[in-house]
């Protein structure tokens, strides 16, 4: 499903209180990059697993939702619902 953009929330297997939110076109490849340590923001807390992923047809809508989830109210929304 390469036509979708995915907003994802990862949770660290080491410490389940640590989450990371991102956006990608290829969810499996991106999770693999996080677990290999290729992303400096997540390298010290790997391995990661996907907690939630949401598919969007529009890249702009996916980026906007990612931005929202990284805001204060968006983090609270994710904590309550995901």
Protein backbone atom coordinates (compact mmCIF):
# COMPACT_ATOMS: atom_id res chain seq x y z
CA UNK A 1 0.00 0.00 0.00
CA UNK A 2 2.57 2.52 -1.13
CA UNK A 3 -0.15 5.07 -1.92
CA UNK A 4 -0.70 5.74 1.78
CA UNK A 5 1.25 7.81 4.26
CA UNK A 6 1.32 6.36 7.75
CA UNK A 7 1.44 8.20 11.04
CA UNK A 8 2.83 5.80 13.60
CA UNK A 9 3.45 5.66 17.32
CA UNK A 10 6.26 3.42 18.53
CA UNK A 11 6.79 2.19 22.06
CA UNK A 12 10.17 1.09 23.39
CA UNK A 13 10.46 -2.54 24.46
CA UNK A 14 13.01 -1.46 27.09
CA UNK A 15 10.84 1.22 28.73
CA UNK A 16 7.15 1.26 27.81
CA UNK A 17 6.78 4.87 28.99
CA UNK A 18 8.91 6.03 26.03
CA UNK A 19 7.04 6.67 22.77
CA UNK A 20 8.02 8.09 19.40
CA UNK A 21 5.70 9.50 16.74
CA UNK A 22 6.57 9.75 13.06
CA UNK A 23 5.28 9.60 9.50
CA UNK A 24 6.39 7.39 6.59
CA UNK A 25 5.32 5.86 3.29
CA UNK A 26 6.82 2.43 4.15
CA UNK A 27 5.99 1.37 7.70
CA UNK A 28 7.96 -1.90 7.78
CA UNK A 29 11.13 -0.28 6.42
CA UNK A 30 10.88 2.64 8.86
CA UNK A 31 10.43 0.33 11.87
CA UNK A 32 13.49 -1.60 10.72
CA UNK A 33 15.49 1.66 10.53
CA UNK A 34 14.46 2.59 14.07
CA UNK A 35 15.43 -0.84 15.38
CA UNK A 36 18.81 -0.77 13.57
CA UNK A 37 19.65 2.51 15.28
CA UNK A 38 19.63 4.54 12.05
CA UNK A 39 17.52 7.29 13.63
CA UNK A 40 19.49 9.22 16.30
CA UNK A 41 16.29 10.22 18.15
CA UNK A 42 15.33 6.61 18.82
CA UNK A 43 18.65 4.73 18.79
CA UNK A 44 19.21 4.58 22.55
CA UNK A 45 15.76 3.17 23.31
CA UNK A 46 15.53 0.35 20.74
CA UNK A 47 14.10 -2.17 20.10
CA UNK A 48 10.78 -0.57 19.19
CA UNK A 49 7.38 -1.98 18.34
CA UNK A 50 4.44 -0.33 16.65
CA UNK A 51 1.77 0.74 19.10
CA UNK A 52 -0.52 2.46 16.58
CA UNK A 53 -0.47 3.28 12.87
CA UNK A 54 -2.99 5.30 10.90
CA UNK A 55 -3.09 5.41 7.10
CA UNK A 56 -3.79 8.62 5.17
CA UNK A 57 -4.18 9.06 1.41
CA UNK A 58 -2.99 12.66 1.74
CA UNK A 59 0.62 13.36 2.75
CA UNK A 60 -0.43 16.81 3.97
CA UNK A 61 -3.09 15.34 6.27
CA UNK A 62 -0.63 12.76 7.61
CA UNK A 63 1.94 15.46 8.40
CA UNK A 64 -0.72 17.64 10.05
CA UNK A 65 -1.88 14.73 12.23
CA UNK A 66 1.74 13.91 13.17
CA UNK A 67 2.26 17.56 14.15
CA UNK A 68 -0.90 17.42 16.27
CA UNK A 69 0.20 14.22 18.03
CA UNK A 70 3.51 15.89 18.92
CA UNK A 71 1.70 18.84 20.53
CA UNK A 72 0.68 18.89 24.18
CA UNK A 73 -2.99 18.17 23.54
CA UNK A 74 -2.08 15.58 20.89
CA UNK A 75 0.18 13.69 23.33
CA UNK A 76 -2.67 13.62 25.84
CA UNK A 77 -5.08 12.43 23.11
CA UNK A 78 -2.68 9.61 22.15
CA UNK A 79 -2.15 8.65 25.80
CA UNK A 80 -5.90 8.31 26.34
CA UNK A 81 -6.88 6.65 23.08
CA UNK A 82 -3.90 4.61 21.88
